[in-house]
């Protein structure tokens, strides 16, 4: 299984960032998205494909960080929760 770091960023409360998965080449290999902050808290989202429409979404499994994830046409929008924190995110195949 391969992991790809897609984010390492200091966030302020409720800040959002958009990540282009198409250009990174991992859009078709999604399995899960895992976040971690410097305090060891984490969040995990599993990819739920819709093979008929050739789309999908990330289903929240664990979320101690308060992050939100939206996927649209190969782009992820990640929104931080209500506090400032440094987040790292990996896409796992």
Protein backbone atom coordinates (compact mmCIF):
# COMPACT_ATOMS: atom_id res chain seq x y z
CA UNK A 1 0.00 0.00 0.00
CA UNK A 2 1.34 3.43 -0.96
CA UNK A 3 0.80 6.63 1.01
CA UNK A 4 0.95 10.14 -0.45
CA UNK A 5 1.32 13.23 1.71
CA UNK A 6 -1.13 15.76 0.30
CA UNK A 7 -1.12 18.38 3.06
CA UNK A 8 1.14 19.81 5.75
CA UNK A 9 -0.16 23.19 6.90
CA UNK A 10 -0.82 25.47 9.86
CA UNK A 11 -4.54 26.27 9.97
CA UNK A 12 -6.43 28.99 11.77
CA UNK A 13 -9.97 28.30 12.98
CA UNK A 14 -12.38 27.42 10.14
CA UNK A 15 -9.77 27.93 7.40
CA UNK A 16 -10.18 25.94 4.15
CA UNK A 17 -7.75 24.73 1.52
CA UNK A 18 -8.31 23.06 -1.87
CA UNK A 19 -6.09 20.16 -3.02
CA UNK A 20 -5.90 18.98 -6.63
CA UNK A 21 -5.79 15.16 -6.61
CA UNK A 22 -5.83 14.95 -10.42
CA UNK A 23 -2.40 16.50 -10.87
CA UNK A 24 -0.90 14.35 -8.11
CA UNK A 25 -1.95 11.16 -9.91
CA UNK A 26 -3.71 9.59 -6.91
CA UNK A 27 -7.31 10.43 -7.87
CA UNK A 28 -8.01 6.92 -9.21
CA UNK A 29 -6.22 5.13 -6.35
CA UNK A 30 -8.11 6.45 -3.35
CA UNK A 31 -8.70 4.25 -0.32
CA UNK A 32 -8.58 6.53 2.70
CA UNK A 33 -7.56 9.98 3.88
CA UNK A 34 -5.81 10.25 7.25
CA UNK A 35 -5.15 13.47 9.18
CA UNK A 36 -2.96 14.01 12.22
CA UNK A 37 -2.07 17.05 14.29
CA UNK A 38 0.99 17.67 16.46
CA UNK A 39 -0.85 16.53 19.60
CA UNK A 40 -1.38 13.04 18.16
CA UNK A 41 -5.08 13.50 17.47
CA UNK A 42 -6.34 12.13 14.19
CA UNK A 43 -9.17 11.85 11.70
CA UNK A 44 -9.84 9.17 9.10
CA UNK A 45 -12.12 9.24 6.08
CA UNK A 46 -12.71 6.17 3.86
CA UNK A 47 -13.30 6.52 0.13
CA UNK A 48 -16.78 5.36 -0.93
CA UNK A 49 -16.79 4.93 -4.72
CA UNK A 50 -19.83 5.26 -6.95
CA UNK A 51 -18.63 3.23 -9.91
CA UNK A 52 -21.79 3.91 -11.92
CA UNK A 53 -21.30 7.69 -11.87
CA UNK A 54 -17.47 7.41 -11.71
CA UNK A 55 -17.48 9.57 -8.58
CA UNK A 56 -17.41 9.07 -4.85
CA UNK A 57 -17.03 10.71 -1.47
CA UNK A 58 -15.01 10.41 1.74
CA UNK A 59 -17.00 8.91 4.63
CA UNK A 60 -15.97 10.10 8.10
CA UNK A 61 -14.82 7.21 10.33
CA UNK A 62 -12.89 8.95 13.14
CA UNK A 63 -12.65 12.70 13.58
CA UNK A 64 -10.99 14.00 16.75
CA UNK A 65 -9.85 17.10 14.82
CA UNK A 66 -13.14 18.59 13.66
CA UNK A 67 -12.02 18.69 10.02
CA UNK A 68 -14.48 18.50 7.13
CA UNK A 69 -13.72 17.00 3.74
CA UNK A 70 -15.57 17.58 0.47
CA UNK A 71 -14.62 15.92 -2.84
CA UNK A 72 -15.66 17.22 -6.23
CA UNK A 73 -14.26 16.23 -9.63
CA UNK A 74 -10.78 15.33 -8.39
CA UNK A 75 -10.45 18.21 -5.95
CA UNK A 76 -10.58 18.03 -2.14
CA UNK A 77 -11.72 20.91 0.01
CA UNK A 78 -10.49 20.53 3.57
CA UNK A 79 -11.91 22.78 6.26
CA UNK A 80 -10.29 22.98 9.68
CA UNK A 81 -12.42 22.90 12.81
CA UNK A 82 -12.85 25.66 15.37
CA UNK A 83 -9.25 25.88 16.66
CA UNK A 84 -5.81 26.64 15.27
CA UNK A 85 -3.70 23.57 14.54
CA UNK A 86 -1.02 22.13 12.28
CA UNK A 87 -2.42 19.33 10.12
CA UNK A 88 -0.79 16.68 7.97
CA UNK A 89 -2.87 14.57 5.61
CA UNK A 90 -2.03 11.40 3.70
CA UNK A 91 -3.98 9.67 0.98
CA UNK A 92 -3.64 5.91 1.24
CA UNK A 93 -4.09 3.62 -1.75
